[in-house]
Amino acid sequence: SDLSPGTFYLPAYNEIFLNGEEDSGNGLQVDTVDRNRFYGGIGYTFRNNLRFQFGYMNQSTDPIDKAQWQFSLHHSL
């Protein structure tokens, strides 16, 4: 579905990364659930094929959590 020019929208997603094998070789192990990424933002449609998004993503792994702001321009032909 296309968004009309001048439309604001709220993108959001949550990604969970799963490992099929816990043995990564050389005696190293990884968790079945390796990381989780959550993103939420706001977008604006300039034209049917041109959108801008600004949002926040938090990426969680066992040792650390990493947060970052993201700016993106989406264009389609």
Protein backbone atom coordinates (compact mmCIF):
# COMPACT_ATOMS: atom_id res chain seq x y z
CA SER A 1 0.00 0.00 0.00
CA ASP A 2 1.33 3.42 -0.97
CA LEU A 3 1.21 6.39 1.35
CA SER A 4 0.01 9.66 -0.13
CA PRO A 5 2.48 12.57 -0.29
CA GLY A 6 2.31 14.66 2.88
CA THR A 7 1.53 11.62 5.07
CA PHE A 8 3.29 11.04 8.40
CA TYR A 9 3.61 7.41 9.57
CA LEU A 10 5.01 5.47 12.55
CA PRO A 11 7.35 2.58 11.64
CA ALA A 12 8.18 -0.03 14.29
CA TYR A 13 9.74 -3.48 14.32
CA ASN A 14 11.29 -6.02 16.62
CA GLU A 15 13.82 -8.58 15.32
CA ILE A 16 14.90 -11.65 17.27
CA PHE A 17 18.02 -13.45 15.98
CA LEU A 18 18.07 -17.23 16.48
CA ASN A 19 21.04 -19.56 16.05
CA GLY A 20 20.38 -23.01 14.62
CA GLU A 21 23.51 -24.38 16.31
CA GLU A 22 24.97 -23.36 19.63
CA ASP A 23 28.43 -24.77 18.82
CA SER A 24 30.30 -22.18 16.74
CA GLY A 25 33.53 -24.21 16.50
CA ASN A 26 36.84 -24.27 18.37
CA GLY A 27 35.02 -24.95 21.64
CA LEU A 28 33.04 -21.69 21.44
CA GLN A 29 29.34 -21.61 22.24
CA VAL A 30 26.62 -19.09 21.34
CA ASP A 31 23.13 -18.72 22.76
CA THR A 32 20.09 -19.86 20.80
CA VAL A 33 18.66 -16.33 21.09
CA ASP A 34 21.65 -14.22 20.07
CA ARG A 35 20.28 -10.67 19.93
CA ASN A 36 17.16 -8.58 19.81
CA ARG A 37 16.65 -5.34 17.88
CA PHE A 38 13.79 -2.95 18.54
CA TYR A 39 13.11 0.09 16.35
CA GLY A 40 10.52 2.84 16.56
CA GLY A 41 10.36 6.07 14.62
CA ILE A 42 8.45 8.59 12.57
CA GLY A 43 8.37 8.90 8.80
CA TYR A 44 7.17 11.38 6.21
CA THR A 45 6.18 10.76 2.59
CA PHE A 46 7.47 13.41 0.18
CA ARG A 47 6.32 11.64 -3.00
CA ASN A 48 4.93 8.19 -3.79
CA ASN A 49 8.50 6.95 -4.25
CA LEU A 50 10.37 9.07 -1.66
CA ARG A 51 10.14 8.83 2.13
CA PHE A 52 12.25 10.01 5.06
CA GLN A 53 12.46 8.22 8.41
CA PHE A 54 13.97 9.19 11.76
CA GLY A 55 14.00 6.75 14.65
CA TYR A 56 15.65 5.03 17.58
CA MET A 57 17.01 1.48 17.62
CA ASN A 58 18.09 -0.51 20.65
CA GLN A 59 20.10 -3.68 20.01
CA SER A 60 20.50 -6.12 22.90
CA THR A 61 23.00 -8.96 23.16
CA ASP A 62 24.18 -10.90 26.21
CA PRO A 63 27.19 -8.70 26.96
CA ILE A 64 25.88 -5.25 25.92
CA ASP A 65 22.94 -3.09 24.89
CA LYS A 66 23.59 -0.60 22.10
CA ALA A 67 21.33 2.33 21.30
CA GLN A 68 21.48 4.47 18.18
CA TRP A 69 19.53 7.14 16.33
CA GLN A 70 18.87 6.46 12.66
CA PHE A 71 18.09 8.75 9.74
CA SER A 72 17.11 7.10 6.47
CA LEU A 73 15.89 8.09 3.03
CA HIS A 74 13.82 5.49 1.14
CA HIS A 75 13.48 5.72 -2.63
CA SER A 76 11.87 3.34 -5.11
CA LEU A 77 11.79 3.39 -8.89
